[in-house]
Amino acid sequence: MKTKSIIFLNIVLMFLLFTTKASAQEKTETIYVKTSATCDMCKSTIEKYVAFEKGVKKVSVDVSTAIATIVYNPEKTSPQKIRTAVSKSGYDADEVKADAKAYKKLDECCKKGQVCTDGKK
C-alpha cells in the first residue's frame, strides 16, 4: 500500500511539474504602434492605460519616435484591441484616431500642436 501511495504521489508531482512548465512558456507576440505621444506625460498615460488591457505583458513608449512597443498574448487579445486601448487613452494608434472624449480629458500640453513647459515637445 505504501509503495502505491509513493507511486501515485510521484505521478501527481510529475503532472504538476509538467503543467507548470507548459503555462510558463506562454506564447507572446510584439506589436509596434505609432502613437501621437509627444512627451513623458503622454508616455506615462499610454503605458498605464494599455497595461490594463487583458493579455498585455509589457508596454513601452519611445517618446522620440512616438512608437509604442507592446508585448502581448495573442490568445487573450489582438492588435486591433490594443490599438483601441491606446485610442481610449486619448492618443492616436496607427490608423485608429484618438477617442474624442478621452482626448478632451488630456492635459493641454499633451494635445496635438501644443508645447510642453518642460521643453520636450
N, C-alpha and C. Protein backbone atom coordinates (compact mmCIF):
# COMPACT_ATOMS: atom_id res chain seq x y z
N MET A 1 0.82 -1.20 0.00
CA MET A 1 0.00 0.00 0.00
C MET A 1 0.86 1.26 0.00
N LYS A 2 1.92 1.23 0.81
CA LYS A 2 2.80 2.38 0.90
C LYS A 2 3.48 2.64 -0.45
N THR A 3 3.85 1.60 -1.16
CA THR A 3 4.51 1.74 -2.47
C THR A 3 3.55 2.37 -3.48
N LYS A 4 2.30 1.93 -3.45
CA LYS A 4 1.30 2.51 -4.37
C LYS A 4 1.10 3.99 -4.09
N SER A 5 1.08 4.37 -2.82
CA SER A 5 0.92 5.77 -2.45
C SER A 5 2.10 6.60 -2.94
N ILE A 6 3.30 6.07 -2.84
CA ILE A 6 4.50 6.78 -3.30
C ILE A 6 4.47 6.93 -4.81
N ILE A 7 4.09 5.87 -5.51
CA ILE A 7 4.00 5.94 -6.97
C ILE A 7 2.94 6.97 -7.39
N PHE A 8 1.78 6.93 -6.75
CA PHE A 8 0.72 7.89 -7.06
C PHE A 8 1.18 9.32 -6.80
N LEU A 9 1.85 9.54 -5.68
CA LEU A 9 2.35 10.86 -5.34
C LEU A 9 3.36 11.35 -6.38
N ASN A 10 4.24 10.47 -6.83
CA ASN A 10 5.22 10.82 -7.87
C ASN A 10 4.53 11.19 -9.18
N ILE A 11 3.50 10.46 -9.54
CA ILE A 11 2.77 10.76 -10.77
C ILE A 11 2.11 12.13 -10.67
N VAL A 12 1.50 12.43 -9.55
CA VAL A 12 0.85 13.72 -9.34
C VAL A 12 1.88 14.85 -9.40
N LEU A 13 3.02 14.67 -8.75
CA LEU A 13 4.06 15.69 -8.77
C LEU A 13 4.60 15.92 -10.18
N MET A 14 4.79 14.85 -10.94
CA MET A 14 5.27 14.99 -12.32
C MET A 14 4.23 15.74 -13.17
N PHE A 15 2.97 15.42 -12.97
CA PHE A 15 1.91 16.11 -13.69
C PHE A 15 1.91 17.60 -13.38
N LEU A 16 2.01 17.94 -12.09
CA LEU A 16 2.04 19.34 -11.69
C LEU A 16 3.26 20.05 -12.26
N LEU A 17 4.39 19.41 -12.26
CA LEU A 17 5.61 19.99 -12.81
C LEU A 17 5.46 20.25 -14.30
N PHE A 18 4.87 19.30 -15.03
CA PHE A 18 4.68 19.45 -16.46
C PHE A 18 3.72 20.59 -16.78
N THR A 19 2.60 20.69 -16.07
CA THR A 19 1.63 21.75 -16.35
C THR A 19 2.18 23.11 -15.98
N THR A 20 3.02 23.20 -14.96
CA THR A 20 3.63 24.47 -14.58
C THR A 20 4.58 24.93 -15.68
N LYS A 21 5.37 24.03 -16.23
CA LYS A 21 6.30 24.39 -17.31
C LYS A 21 5.53 24.81 -18.56
N ALA A 22 4.45 24.14 -18.87
CA ALA A 22 3.66 24.46 -20.06
C ALA A 22 3.08 25.87 -19.95
N SER A 23 2.57 26.23 -18.78
CA SER A 23 1.98 27.57 -18.63
C SER A 23 3.05 28.65 -18.57
N ALA A 24 4.26 28.31 -18.14
CA ALA A 24 5.35 29.29 -18.09
C ALA A 24 5.83 29.66 -19.49
N GLN A 25 5.60 28.80 -20.46
CA GLN A 25 6.04 29.05 -21.82
C GLN A 25 4.90 29.67 -22.64
N GLU A 26 4.24 30.62 -22.05
CA GLU A 26 3.12 31.28 -22.71
C GLU A 26 3.57 31.98 -23.99
N LYS A 27 2.77 31.83 -25.00
CA LYS A 27 3.07 32.42 -26.31
C LYS A 27 2.88 33.93 -26.27
N THR A 28 3.86 34.67 -26.80
CA THR A 28 3.73 36.12 -26.87
C THR A 28 4.10 36.62 -28.26
N GLU A 29 3.58 37.77 -28.60
CA GLU A 29 3.92 38.46 -29.84
C GLU A 29 4.16 39.92 -29.51
N THR A 30 4.79 40.63 -30.42
CA THR A 30 5.09 42.04 -30.22
C THR A 30 4.48 42.86 -31.35
N ILE A 31 3.88 43.97 -30.98
CA ILE A 31 3.31 44.89 -31.96
C ILE A 31 3.93 46.27 -31.72
N TYR A 32 4.15 47.00 -32.81
CA TYR A 32 4.68 48.36 -32.75
C TYR A 32 3.58 49.29 -33.25
N VAL A 33 3.18 50.23 -32.41
CA VAL A 33 2.06 51.12 -32.73
C VAL A 33 2.55 52.56 -32.75
N LYS A 34 2.31 53.23 -33.87
CA LYS A 34 2.63 54.66 -33.99
C LYS A 34 1.56 55.44 -33.25
N THR A 35 1.99 56.21 -32.25
CA THR A 35 1.05 56.98 -31.43
C THR A 35 1.23 58.47 -31.69
N SER A 36 0.39 59.27 -31.04
CA SER A 36 0.53 60.72 -31.11
C SER A 36 1.19 61.26 -29.84
N ALA A 37 1.88 60.39 -29.09
CA ALA A 37 2.56 60.80 -27.86
C ALA A 37 3.73 61.73 -28.18
N THR A 38 3.88 62.77 -27.37
CA THR A 38 4.95 63.73 -27.62
C THR A 38 5.77 64.09 -26.38
N CYS A 39 5.37 63.63 -25.22
CA CYS A 39 6.13 63.96 -24.00
C CYS A 39 6.07 62.81 -23.01
N ASP A 40 6.79 62.97 -21.90
CA ASP A 40 6.84 61.92 -20.89
C ASP A 40 5.48 61.69 -20.23
N MET A 41 4.67 62.73 -20.14
CA MET A 41 3.34 62.57 -19.57
C MET A 41 2.48 61.70 -20.49
N CYS A 42 2.61 61.92 -21.79
CA CYS A 42 1.89 61.10 -22.78
C CYS A 42 2.34 59.64 -22.63
N LYS A 43 3.64 59.45 -22.55
CA LYS A 43 4.23 58.11 -22.41
C LYS A 43 3.64 57.40 -21.20
N SER A 44 3.61 58.09 -20.08
CA SER A 44 3.09 57.50 -18.84
C SER A 44 1.62 57.13 -18.97
N THR A 45 0.83 58.01 -19.56
CA THR A 45 -0.61 57.77 -19.72
C THR A 45 -0.86 56.54 -20.58
N ILE A 46 -0.19 56.46 -21.72
CA ILE A 46 -0.38 55.31 -22.62
C ILE A 46 0.06 54.02 -21.94
N GLU A 47 1.24 54.03 -21.33
CA GLU A 47 1.76 52.82 -20.70
C GLU A 47 0.85 52.32 -19.59
N LYS A 48 0.35 53.23 -18.76
CA LYS A 48 -0.55 52.83 -17.67
C LYS A 48 -1.87 52.29 -18.20
N TYR A 49 -2.42 52.98 -19.20
CA TYR A 49 -3.74 52.59 -19.72
C TYR A 49 -3.68 51.25 -20.45
N VAL A 50 -2.71 51.07 -21.33
CA VAL A 50 -2.62 49.85 -22.14
C VAL A 50 -2.22 48.65 -21.29
N ALA A 51 -1.50 48.86 -20.21
CA ALA A 51 -1.09 47.76 -19.33
C ALA A 51 -2.29 47.01 -18.76
N PHE A 52 -3.44 47.68 -18.67
CA PHE A 52 -4.64 47.04 -18.14
C PHE A 52 -5.41 46.22 -19.17
N GLU A 53 -5.02 46.31 -20.43
CA GLU A 53 -5.67 45.50 -21.47
C GLU A 53 -5.35 44.03 -21.22
N LYS A 54 -6.37 43.20 -21.21
CA LYS A 54 -6.19 41.77 -20.96
C LYS A 54 -5.20 41.19 -21.98
N GLY A 55 -4.21 40.45 -21.49
CA GLY A 55 -3.24 39.79 -22.36
C GLY A 55 -1.98 40.59 -22.62
N VAL A 56 -1.96 41.86 -22.25
CA VAL A 56 -0.77 42.69 -22.46
C VAL A 56 0.24 42.36 -21.37
N LYS A 57 1.46 42.06 -21.79
CA LYS A 57 2.53 41.68 -20.87
C LYS A 57 3.47 42.84 -20.56
N LYS A 58 3.75 43.68 -21.58
CA LYS A 58 4.70 44.77 -21.40
C LYS A 58 4.37 45.89 -22.39
N VAL A 59 4.49 47.13 -21.91
CA VAL A 59 4.25 48.30 -22.76
C VAL A 59 5.39 49.28 -22.54
N SER A 60 5.91 49.79 -23.65
CA SER A 60 6.96 50.79 -23.57
C SER A 60 6.79 51.77 -24.72
N VAL A 61 6.74 53.07 -24.39
CA VAL A 61 6.58 54.10 -25.41
C VAL A 61 7.89 54.87 -25.52
N ASP A 62 8.40 54.97 -26.75
CA ASP A 62 9.59 55.78 -27.04
C ASP A 62 9.08 57.13 -27.52
N VAL A 63 9.25 58.15 -26.69
CA VAL A 63 8.73 59.49 -27.00
C VAL A 63 9.40 60.08 -28.23
N SER A 64 10.68 59.81 -28.43
CA SER A 64 11.40 60.41 -29.57
C SER A 64 10.85 59.94 -30.92
N THR A 65 10.31 58.71 -30.97
CA THR A 65 9.73 58.18 -32.21
C THR A 65 8.21 58.09 -32.15
N ALA A 66 7.65 58.24 -30.95
CA ALA A 66 6.21 58.09 -30.70
C ALA A 66 5.72 56.68 -31.02
N ILE A 67 6.61 55.70 -30.88
CA ILE A 67 6.26 54.30 -31.13
C ILE A 67 6.06 53.58 -29.79
N ALA A 68 4.93 52.91 -29.67
CA ALA A 68 4.66 52.07 -28.50
C ALA A 68 5.00 50.63 -28.87
N THR A 69 5.83 49.99 -28.07
CA THR A 69 6.17 48.59 -28.26
C THR A 69 5.38 47.81 -27.22
N ILE A 70 4.55 46.89 -27.69
CA ILE A 70 3.65 46.16 -26.80
C ILE A 70 3.84 44.67 -27.00
N VAL A 71 4.17 43.97 -25.91
CA VAL A 71 4.28 42.51 -25.91
C VAL A 71 2.99 41.98 -25.33
N TYR A 72 2.37 41.03 -26.04
CA TYR A 72 1.05 40.55 -25.62
C TYR A 72 0.88 39.06 -25.93
N ASN A 73 -0.13 38.47 -25.31
CA ASN A 73 -0.50 37.08 -25.55
C ASN A 73 -1.60 37.09 -26.62
N PRO A 74 -1.32 36.55 -27.83
CA PRO A 74 -2.30 36.59 -28.91
C PRO A 74 -3.55 35.74 -28.65
N GLU A 75 -3.50 34.90 -27.64
CA GLU A 75 -4.68 34.10 -27.29
C GLU A 75 -5.66 34.90 -26.43
N LYS A 76 -5.19 36.04 -25.88
CA LYS A 76 -6.03 36.83 -25.00
C LYS A 76 -6.42 38.19 -25.56
N THR A 77 -5.67 38.69 -26.53
CA THR A 77 -6.00 39.99 -27.13
C THR A 77 -5.50 40.03 -28.57
N SER A 78 -5.78 41.12 -29.24
CA SER A 78 -5.39 41.24 -30.65
C SER A 78 -4.79 42.63 -30.89
N PRO A 79 -4.07 42.78 -32.00
CA PRO A 79 -3.53 44.11 -32.32
C PRO A 79 -4.61 45.19 -32.39
N GLN A 80 -5.77 44.86 -32.92
CA GLN A 80 -6.84 45.85 -33.01
C GLN A 80 -7.35 46.26 -31.63
N LYS A 81 -7.45 45.32 -30.70
CA LYS A 81 -7.89 45.66 -29.34
C LYS A 81 -6.84 46.53 -28.66
N ILE A 82 -5.57 46.27 -28.95
CA ILE A 82 -4.50 47.08 -28.36
C ILE A 82 -4.56 48.50 -28.92
N ARG A 83 -4.75 48.63 -30.23
CA ARG A 83 -4.88 49.97 -30.82
C ARG A 83 -6.08 50.72 -30.24
N THR A 84 -7.16 50.01 -30.01
CA THR A 84 -8.35 50.61 -29.42
C THR A 84 -8.05 51.09 -27.99
N ALA A 85 -7.28 50.31 -27.24
CA ALA A 85 -6.91 50.71 -25.88
C ALA A 85 -6.06 51.99 -25.90
N VAL A 86 -5.13 52.09 -26.85
CA VAL A 86 -4.33 53.31 -26.98
C VAL A 86 -5.25 54.48 -27.31
N SER A 87 -6.18 54.27 -28.23
CA SER A 87 -7.12 55.31 -28.62
C SER A 87 -7.96 55.78 -27.42
N LYS A 88 -8.39 54.85 -26.61
CA LYS A 88 -9.22 55.19 -25.46
C LYS A 88 -8.44 55.90 -24.37
N SER A 89 -7.10 55.89 -24.49
CA SER A 89 -6.28 56.68 -23.55
C SER A 89 -6.15 58.12 -24.01
N GLY A 90 -6.64 58.42 -25.25
CA GLY A 90 -6.65 59.78 -25.75
C GLY A 90 -5.65 60.05 -26.86
N TYR A 91 -4.99 59.00 -27.35
CA TYR A 91 -3.94 59.17 -28.36
C TYR A 91 -4.24 58.36 -29.61
N ASP A 92 -3.73 58.84 -30.75
CA ASP A 92 -3.84 58.09 -32.00
C ASP A 92 -3.04 56.79 -31.88
N ALA A 93 -3.50 55.76 -32.58
CA ALA A 93 -2.81 54.47 -32.62
C ALA A 93 -2.85 53.96 -34.05
N ASP A 94 -1.75 54.18 -34.79
CA ASP A 94 -1.70 53.86 -36.21
C ASP A 94 -2.87 54.57 -36.90
N GLU A 95 -3.74 53.81 -37.58
CA GLU A 95 -4.85 54.42 -38.30
C GLU A 95 -6.07 54.70 -37.40
N VAL A 96 -6.03 54.26 -36.16
CA VAL A 96 -7.14 54.48 -35.22
C VAL A 96 -6.95 55.84 -34.54
N LYS A 97 -7.89 56.73 -34.75
CA LYS A 97 -7.81 58.07 -34.18
C LYS A 97 -8.12 58.03 -32.68
N ALA A 98 -7.59 59.00 -31.97
CA ALA A 98 -7.82 59.12 -30.54
C ALA A 98 -9.31 59.25 -30.24
N ASP A 99 -9.75 58.58 -29.20
CA ASP A 99 -11.13 58.70 -28.74
C ASP A 99 -11.37 60.16 -28.34
N ALA A 100 -12.37 60.79 -28.93
CA ALA A 100 -12.63 62.23 -28.72
C ALA A 100 -12.85 62.58 -27.25
N LYS A 101 -13.59 61.75 -26.56
CA LYS A 101 -13.91 62.01 -25.15
C LYS A 101 -12.63 61.94 -24.30
N ALA A 102 -11.80 60.94 -24.55
CA ALA A 102 -10.54 60.78 -23.81
C ALA A 102 -9.56 61.90 -24.16
N TYR A 103 -9.53 62.29 -25.44
CA TYR A 103 -8.64 63.35 -25.89
C TYR A 103 -8.95 64.67 -25.17
N LYS A 104 -10.21 64.96 -24.98
CA LYS A 104 -10.61 66.20 -24.30
C LYS A 104 -10.13 66.23 -22.85
N LYS A 105 -9.96 65.06 -22.24
CA LYS A 105 -9.53 64.98 -20.84
C LYS A 105 -8.01 65.10 -20.67
N LEU A 106 -7.25 65.04 -21.76
CA LEU A 106 -5.79 65.14 -21.67
C LEU A 106 -5.39 66.54 -21.20
N ASP A 107 -4.23 66.63 -20.55
CA ASP A 107 -3.67 67.93 -20.21
C ASP A 107 -3.43 68.69 -21.50
N GLU A 108 -3.52 70.00 -21.43
CA GLU A 108 -3.36 70.82 -22.63
C GLU A 108 -2.04 70.55 -23.35
N CYS A 109 -0.96 70.33 -22.59
CA CYS A 109 0.34 70.13 -23.25
C CYS A 109 0.40 68.81 -24.02
N CYS A 110 -0.51 67.90 -23.75
CA CYS A 110 -0.49 66.60 -24.43
C CYS A 110 -1.37 66.57 -25.68
N LYS A 111 -2.01 67.66 -25.96
CA LYS A 111 -2.85 67.73 -27.15
C LYS A 111 -2.00 68.11 -28.35
N LYS A 112 -2.42 67.68 -29.51
CA LYS A 112 -1.66 67.90 -30.74
C LYS A 112 -1.38 69.37 -30.98
N GLY A 113 -0.13 69.66 -31.35
CA GLY A 113 0.24 71.02 -31.69
C GLY A 113 0.59 71.89 -30.50
N GLN A 114 0.51 71.36 -29.29
CA GLN A 114 0.82 72.14 -28.08
C GLN A 114 2.31 71.99 -27.74
N VAL A 115 2.79 72.87 -26.89
CA VAL A 115 4.19 72.83 -26.46
C VAL A 115 4.24 72.56 -24.97
N CYS A 116 5.07 71.58 -24.59
CA CYS A 116 5.24 71.26 -23.16
C CYS A 116 6.06 72.35 -22.49
N THR A 117 5.77 72.61 -21.22
CA THR A 117 6.53 73.59 -20.47
C THR A 117 7.93 73.08 -20.12
N ASP A 118 8.12 71.74 -20.21
CA ASP A 118 9.45 71.20 -19.90
C ASP A 118 10.35 71.18 -21.12
N GLY A 119 9.85 71.70 -22.26
CA GLY A 119 10.67 71.82 -23.46
C GLY A 119 10.90 70.53 -24.21
N LYS A 120 10.17 69.48 -23.89
CA LYS A 120 10.39 68.18 -24.54
C LYS A 120 9.55 67.97 -25.77
N LYS A 121 8.71 68.93 -26.13
CA LYS A 121 7.91 68.78 -27.34
C LYS A 121 8.53 69.54 -28.47
